[in-house]
Protein backbone atom coordinates (compact mmCIF):
# COMPACT_ATOMS: atom_id res chain seq x y z
CA MET A 1 34.64 0.95 -31.61
CA MET A 2 32.81 -2.35 -32.66
CA PRO A 3 35.09 -4.94 -34.23
CA LEU A 4 34.44 -6.13 -37.70
CA THR A 5 33.12 -9.48 -38.13
CA LEU A 6 34.58 -11.01 -41.36
CA PRO A 7 34.35 -14.94 -42.42
CA GLY A 8 37.67 -16.68 -42.91
CA PRO A 9 40.71 -16.82 -40.67
CA THR A 10 40.86 -14.40 -37.72
CA PHE A 11 43.60 -12.19 -37.08
CA GLU A 12 44.13 -14.50 -34.04
CA ASP A 13 44.70 -17.29 -36.50
CA ILE A 14 47.06 -15.67 -38.69
CA LEU A 15 49.18 -14.46 -36.11
CA ALA A 16 49.03 -17.86 -34.29
CA THR A 17 51.05 -19.29 -37.53
CA GLY A 18 53.91 -17.54 -36.54
CA HIS A 19 54.03 -19.25 -33.34
CA LEU A 20 53.10 -22.62 -34.21
CA ARG A 21 55.82 -24.94 -34.37
CA ARG A 22 56.10 -27.79 -36.81
CA TRP A 23 58.37 -30.85 -36.72
CA HIS A 24 58.12 -31.12 -33.01
CA THR A 25 58.48 -35.04 -32.91
CA ARG A 26 61.72 -35.15 -34.87
CA PRO A 27 65.18 -33.88 -34.08
CA HIS A 28 66.14 -30.80 -36.13
CA ALA A 29 68.70 -27.75 -35.80
CA GLN A 30 65.98 -25.06 -36.44
CA ALA A 31 62.71 -24.50 -35.51
CA GLN A 32 59.97 -23.87 -38.40
CA THR A 33 56.74 -22.17 -37.86
CA LEU A 34 53.51 -22.76 -39.64
CA ALA A 35 53.91 -19.22 -41.18
CA ASP A 36 57.27 -20.27 -42.93
CA HIS A 37 55.86 -23.42 -44.29
CA LEU A 38 52.89 -21.90 -45.69
CA SER A 39 54.80 -19.08 -47.49
CA LYS A 40 57.24 -21.48 -48.84
CA VAL A 41 54.64 -23.83 -49.97
CA ALA A 42 52.98 -20.74 -51.88
CA LEU A 43 56.12 -19.76 -53.45
CA LEU A 44 56.85 -23.48 -54.50
CA ALA A 45 53.30 -24.13 -55.95
CA ASP A 46 53.71 -20.88 -57.83
CA ARG A 47 57.03 -21.88 -59.18
CA LEU A 48 55.69 -25.31 -60.20
CA GLY A 49 52.72 -23.96 -61.87
CA ARG A 50 54.71 -21.65 -64.02
CA TYR A 51 56.55 -24.56 -65.24
CA LEU A 52 53.09 -26.05 -66.73
CA ALA A 53 53.07 -23.07 -68.80
CA GLU A 54 49.43 -22.15 -70.35
CA ARG A 55 47.83 -24.65 -67.98
CA TYR A 56 48.69 -22.19 -65.11
CA ASP A 57 46.41 -19.23 -66.16
CA ASP A 58 45.42 -16.55 -63.91
CA ALA A 59 42.54 -18.20 -62.59
CA VAL A 60 44.50 -21.25 -61.35
CA ALA A 61 47.36 -19.16 -60.12
CA HIS A 62 44.81 -17.36 -57.78
CA GLU A 63 43.10 -20.77 -56.30
CA THR A 64 46.77 -22.29 -55.94
CA LEU A 65 48.36 -19.30 -53.89
CA PHE A 66 45.12 -18.93 -51.82
CA TRP A 67 45.19 -22.79 -51.06
CA ALA A 68 48.67 -22.81 -50.42
CA LEU A 69 48.49 -19.98 -47.90
CA HIS A 70 45.64 -21.53 -46.20
CA HIS A 71 45.89 -25.46 -46.48
CA ASP A 72 47.24 -26.06 -42.84
CA PHE A 73 45.11 -23.21 -41.23
CA PRO A 74 43.01 -25.69 -39.04
CA GLU A 75 46.76 -26.45 -37.19
CA THR A 76 46.12 -23.03 -35.55
CA GLU A 77 43.42 -24.82 -33.63
CA HIS A 78 45.24 -28.00 -32.48
CA GLY A 79 49.04 -27.60 -33.47
CA ASP A 80 50.94 -29.49 -35.88
CA ILE A 81 50.11 -33.50 -35.93
CA PRO A 82 52.74 -35.53 -37.02
CA ARG A 83 52.08 -37.35 -40.51
CA PRO A 84 52.33 -41.14 -39.03
CA SER A 85 49.51 -39.82 -36.68
CA LYS A 86 47.61 -38.20 -39.30
CA ARG A 87 48.01 -41.11 -41.64
CA TRP A 88 46.73 -43.44 -38.84
CA LEU A 89 43.78 -41.25 -38.11
CA ASN A 90 42.76 -40.76 -41.74
CA GLU A 91 42.91 -44.80 -42.23
CA ARG A 92 40.91 -45.64 -38.99
CA LEU A 93 38.09 -42.96 -38.69
CA VAL A 94 35.03 -43.11 -40.50
CA ARG A 95 35.67 -39.94 -42.12
CA PRO A 96 39.16 -38.81 -42.88
CA TYR A 97 40.27 -36.60 -39.97
CA ASP A 98 41.80 -33.88 -42.39
CA GLU A 99 38.50 -33.34 -43.94
CA LYS A 100 36.53 -33.18 -40.41
CA VAL A 101 38.91 -31.06 -38.79
CA ALA A 102 38.99 -28.58 -41.86
CA GLU A 103 35.21 -28.61 -42.20
CA ASP A 104 34.94 -27.65 -38.44
CA TRP A 105 37.54 -24.95 -38.59
CA TRP A 106 36.29 -23.28 -41.75
CA GLN A 107 32.71 -23.38 -40.17
CA ASP A 108 33.61 -21.92 -37.05
CA ARG A 109 34.92 -19.13 -38.85
CA GLY A 110 31.91 -18.64 -41.35
CA GLU A 111 32.96 -20.42 -44.24
CA PRO A 112 32.79 -23.65 -46.26
CA VAL A 113 36.21 -25.58 -46.52
CA PRO A 114 37.67 -23.79 -49.82
CA GLU A 115 37.38 -26.06 -52.88
CA PRO A 116 40.19 -25.05 -55.37
CA CYS A 117 40.46 -26.37 -58.95
CA ALA A 118 42.01 -29.86 -59.23
CA LEU A 119 45.15 -28.41 -60.57
CA ALA A 120 45.63 -26.04 -57.69
CA VAL A 121 45.08 -28.99 -55.14
CA ALA A 122 47.79 -31.05 -57.10
CA LEU A 123 50.12 -28.21 -57.16
CA VAL A 124 49.72 -27.51 -53.55
CA LYS A 125 50.09 -31.26 -52.67
CA VAL A 126 53.47 -31.60 -54.47
CA ALA A 127 54.50 -28.11 -53.19
CA ASP A 128 53.61 -29.23 -49.60
CA ILE A 129 55.99 -32.45 -49.64
CA LEU A 130 58.48 -30.57 -51.60
CA GLU A 131 58.74 -27.97 -48.90
CA ALA A 132 58.70 -30.50 -46.16
CA ALA A 133 61.57 -32.24 -47.77
CA THR A 134 63.77 -29.29 -48.58
CA TRP A 135 63.40 -28.16 -45.12
CA PHE A 136 63.93 -31.44 -43.36
CA TRP A 137 66.85 -32.19 -45.74
CA THR A 138 68.43 -28.76 -44.58
CA TYR A 139 67.53 -28.76 -40.85
CA GLY A 140 66.37 -32.38 -39.94
CA LEU A 141 68.64 -34.44 -37.74
CA ASP A 142 67.21 -37.85 -38.56
CA GLN A 143 69.04 -39.41 -41.48
CA GLU A 144 66.21 -41.92 -42.19
CA VAL A 145 63.70 -39.23 -42.27
CA ARG A 146 66.00 -37.01 -44.44
CA THR A 147 66.47 -39.50 -47.25
CA GLY A 148 62.92 -41.17 -46.97
CA ILE A 149 61.05 -37.95 -47.55
CA ILE A 150 62.89 -37.40 -50.82
CA GLY A 151 61.40 -40.79 -51.97
CA GLU A 152 57.92 -39.60 -50.80
CA VAL A 153 58.35 -36.48 -53.06
CA GLY A 154 59.07 -38.59 -56.28
CA THR A 155 56.21 -41.16 -55.25
CA LEU A 156 53.69 -38.24 -54.78
CA THR A 157 54.81 -36.12 -57.81
CA GLN A 158 54.48 -39.23 -60.09
CA LYS A 159 51.32 -39.85 -58.66
CA VAL A 160 49.88 -36.56 -58.91
CA LEU A 161 51.60 -34.20 -61.52
CA PRO A 162 54.38 -36.58 -63.34
CA GLU A 163 55.28 -33.64 -65.71
CA LEU A 164 56.91 -31.78 -62.61
CA LEU A 165 59.61 -34.55 -61.85
CA PRO A 166 62.42 -32.54 -63.46
CA VAL A 167 61.43 -29.35 -61.79
CA VAL A 168 60.87 -31.07 -58.35
CA ALA A 169 64.19 -32.79 -58.93
CA GLN A 170 65.91 -29.21 -59.75
CA ALA A 171 64.27 -27.96 -56.28
CA LEU A 172 65.56 -30.62 -54.31
CA ARG A 173 69.00 -30.11 -55.96
CA ALA A 174 69.15 -26.63 -54.94
CA ALA A 175 68.33 -27.70 -51.15
CA GLY A 176 71.46 -29.58 -51.48
CA VAL A 177 70.08 -33.35 -52.17
CA PRO A 178 72.70 -35.06 -53.69
CA ASP A 179 72.01 -36.77 -57.35
CA ASP A 180 72.06 -40.23 -56.29
CA LEU A 181 68.95 -39.72 -54.12
CA LEU A 182 67.25 -37.85 -57.26
CA ALA A 183 67.85 -40.85 -59.81
CA ASP A 184 64.20 -41.63 -59.81
CA LEU A 185 62.92 -38.00 -60.25
CA ALA A 186 65.29 -37.26 -63.08
CA ALA A 187 63.52 -37.52 -66.23
């Protein structure tokens, strides 16, 4: 039987998301896989999108869910790179590291890098940092990172989709983040 050749993530890529560990450079009480992260980002992005009511129509929802489920797939090639390292690489390379890795990864799989609409990209950005913050708040053991990432959620949300601040604060509260750390998010 001849294997099917399909563009996009391979079955090996999909299965690798269940083994690829995140947060490997920070102390934590429970391991997180890329698959866990991607699924939670998708659920959070969809929930955030629904908060925007009519702006989040079926087409935007489709693009948001697709991007949320695929945005970190290039990590199946090289693993999770800690944010300080990514930030350093993105600032010092001629072309942002994230863009180059994504382009190469998708081209190797017969597709261009997906280009979702601006609202889908913004929703996934907020959901991505929100998922990281809620996960690390729950399982992270480094107190400085736990509190620092809460501030990063507020800063990014304010910059990207400030109308989401109340619902982002609600999500963080649901994860057990105390109200005194949410003062800047509560609108």
